[in-house]
Amino acid sequence: MKIPRDVGGHDLVKVLNRYGYEVTRQAGSHIRLTTLQAGEHHLTIPAHDSLRIGTLSAILTEVAEHLGKEKSQLIAELWG
């Protein structure tokens, strides 16, 4: 499955809530998320209206690795 286009930082925060990610803090235009599911993990997401495809891909790769899933499976679960 392809990575969706026009996903904003706040939209990504909402869909990552499914995996236990919660906003820890926000400094300027960056949102810090933390989850305790499958061990502690931190993410920093830009709070932009539309994330660049490379940035979104890197974030999804990091989440998939932490959760022990394939990236395509994660994308299908989030936007399938």
C-alpha atoms as a PDB file:
ATOM      1  CA  MET A   1       0.000   0.000   0.000  1.00  0.00           C
ATOM      2  CA  LYS A   2       1.237   3.473  -0.843  1.00  0.00           C
ATOM      3  CA  ILE A   3       1.950   6.142   1.744  1.00  0.00           C
ATOM      4  CA  PRO A   4      -0.944   8.618   1.764  1.00  0.00           C
ATOM      5  CA  ARG A   5      -0.361  12.195   0.641  1.00  0.00           C
ATOM      6  CA  ASP A   6      -1.489  15.357   2.440  1.00  0.00           C
ATOM      7  CA  VAL A   7      -1.223  13.955   5.970  1.00  0.00           C
ATOM      8  CA  GLY A   8      -0.682  16.693   8.528  1.00  0.00           C
ATOM      9  CA  GLY A   9       1.220  16.407  11.787  1.00  0.00           C
ATOM     10  CA  HIS A  10      -1.932  16.636  13.912  1.00  0.00           C
ATOM     11  CA  ASP A  11      -3.653  14.019  11.716  1.00  0.00           C
ATOM     12  CA  LEU A  12      -0.720  11.658  12.252  1.00  0.00           C
ATOM     13  CA  VAL A  13      -0.883  12.193  16.019  1.00  0.00           C
ATOM     14  CA  LYS A  14      -4.562  11.170  15.986  1.00  0.00           C
ATOM     15  CA  VAL A  15      -3.999   7.930  14.062  1.00  0.00           C
ATOM     16  CA  LEU A  16      -0.959   6.961  16.155  1.00  0.00           C
ATOM     17  CA  ASN A  17      -3.168   7.081  19.266  1.00  0.00           C
ATOM     18  CA  ARG A  18      -4.293   3.580  18.207  1.00  0.00           C
ATOM     19  CA  TYR A  19      -0.854   2.322  19.211  1.00  0.00           C
ATOM     20  CA  GLY A  20      -0.746   4.112  22.538  1.00  0.00           C
ATOM     21  CA  TYR A  21       1.192   7.185  21.400  1.00  0.00           C
ATOM     22  CA  GLU A  22       0.258  10.230  23.473  1.00  0.00           C
ATOM     23  CA  VAL A  23       1.433  13.818  23.298  1.00  0.00           C
ATOM     24  CA  THR A  24       4.148  14.344  25.895  1.00  0.00           C
ATOM     25  CA  ARG A  25       4.914  17.949  25.006  1.00  0.00           C
ATOM     26  CA  GLN A  26       4.936  20.458  22.203  1.00  0.00           C
ATOM     27  CA  ALA A  27       7.735  22.927  21.621  1.00  0.00           C
ATOM     28  CA  GLY A  28       7.133  25.351  18.787  1.00  0.00           C
ATOM     29  CA  SER A  29       6.218  23.461  15.640  1.00  0.00           C
ATOM     30  CA  HIS A  30       7.188  19.991  16.885  1.00  0.00           C
ATOM     31  CA  ILE A  31       5.053  17.507  18.816  1.00  0.00           C
ATOM     32  CA  ARG A  32       6.701  14.899  21.042  1.00  0.00           C
ATOM     33  CA  LEU A  33       4.861  11.570  21.358  1.00  0.00           C
ATOM     34  CA  THR A  34       5.551   8.721  23.755  1.00  0.00           C
ATOM     35  CA  THR A  35       4.206   5.179  23.995  1.00  0.00           C
ATOM     36  CA  LEU A  36       4.788   2.439  26.518  1.00  0.00           C
ATOM     37  CA  GLN A  37       3.334  -0.253  24.252  1.00  0.00           C
ATOM     38  CA  ALA A  38       6.040  -2.795  23.322  1.00  0.00           C
ATOM     39  CA  GLY A  39       8.514  -0.807  25.441  1.00  0.00           C
ATOM     40  CA  GLU A  40       9.033   2.919  25.776  1.00  0.00           C
ATOM     41  CA  HIS A  41       9.366   4.792  22.480  1.00  0.00           C
ATOM     42  CA  HIS A  42       9.527   8.504  21.645  1.00  0.00           C
ATOM     43  CA  LEU A  43       8.714  10.261  18.372  1.00  0.00           C
ATOM     44  CA  THR A  44       9.003  13.854  17.277  1.00  0.00           C
ATOM     45  CA  ILE A  45       6.513  14.948  14.628  1.00  0.00           C
ATOM     46  CA  PRO A  46       6.468  18.325  12.874  1.00  0.00           C
ATOM     47  CA  ALA A  47       3.143  20.101  13.440  1.00  0.00           C
ATOM     48  CA  HIS A  48       2.826  21.107   9.782  1.00  0.00           C
ATOM     49  CA  ASP A  49      -0.356  21.148   7.707  1.00  0.00           C
ATOM     50  CA  SER A  50       1.118  18.641   5.272  1.00  0.00           C
ATOM     51  CA  LEU A  51       4.158  16.498   6.046  1.00  0.00           C
ATOM     52  CA  ARG A  52       6.717  15.855   3.340  1.00  0.00           C
ATOM     53  CA  ILE A  53       6.510  12.326   2.018  1.00  0.00           C
ATOM     54  CA  GLY A  54      10.077  11.511   3.112  1.00  0.00           C
ATOM     55  CA  THR A  55       9.414  12.749   6.648  1.00  0.00           C
ATOM     56  CA  LEU A  56       6.193  10.746   6.887  1.00  0.00           C
ATOM     57  CA  SER A  57       7.928   7.662   5.500  1.00  0.00           C
ATOM     58  CA  ALA A  58      10.733   7.918   8.060  1.00  0.00           C
ATOM     59  CA  ILE A  59       8.265   8.295  10.948  1.00  0.00           C
ATOM     60  CA  LEU A  60       6.200   5.314   9.772  1.00  0.00           C
ATOM     61  CA  THR A  61       9.341   3.198   9.361  1.00  0.00           C
ATOM     62  CA  GLU A  62      10.388   4.014  12.924  1.00  0.00           C
ATOM     63  CA  VAL A  63       6.937   3.166  14.321  1.00  0.00           C
ATOM     64  CA  ALA A  64       6.770  -0.089  12.346  1.00  0.00           C
ATOM     65  CA  GLU A  65      10.197  -1.165  13.594  1.00  0.00           C
ATOM     66  CA  HIS A  66       9.244  -0.406  17.189  1.00  0.00           C
ATOM     67  CA  LEU A  67       5.999  -2.364  16.937  1.00  0.00           C
ATOM     68  CA  GLY A  68       7.629  -5.260  15.054  1.00  0.00           C
ATOM     69  CA  LYS A  69       5.423  -4.879  11.973  1.00  0.00           C
ATOM     70  CA  GLU A  70       6.013  -4.440   8.289  1.00  0.00           C
ATOM     71  CA  LYS A  71       5.693  -0.831   7.152  1.00  0.00           C
ATOM     72  CA  SER A  72       3.066  -1.757   4.542  1.00  0.00           C
ATOM     73  CA  GLN A  73       1.026  -3.543   7.223  1.00  0.00           C
ATOM     74  CA  LEU A  74       1.175  -0.451   9.452  1.00  0.00           C
ATOM     75  CA  ILE A  75       0.030   1.803   6.608  1.00  0.00           C
ATOM     76  CA  ALA A  76      -2.865  -0.556   5.831  1.00  0.00           C
ATOM     77  CA  GLU A  77      -3.935  -0.583   9.495  1.00  0.00           C
ATOM     78  CA  LEU A  78      -3.805   3.203   9.785  1.00  0.00           C
ATOM     79  CA  TRP A  79      -5.325   4.232   6.448  1.00  0.00           C
ATOM     80  CA  GLY A  80      -6.606   0.996   4.901  1.00  0.00           C
END
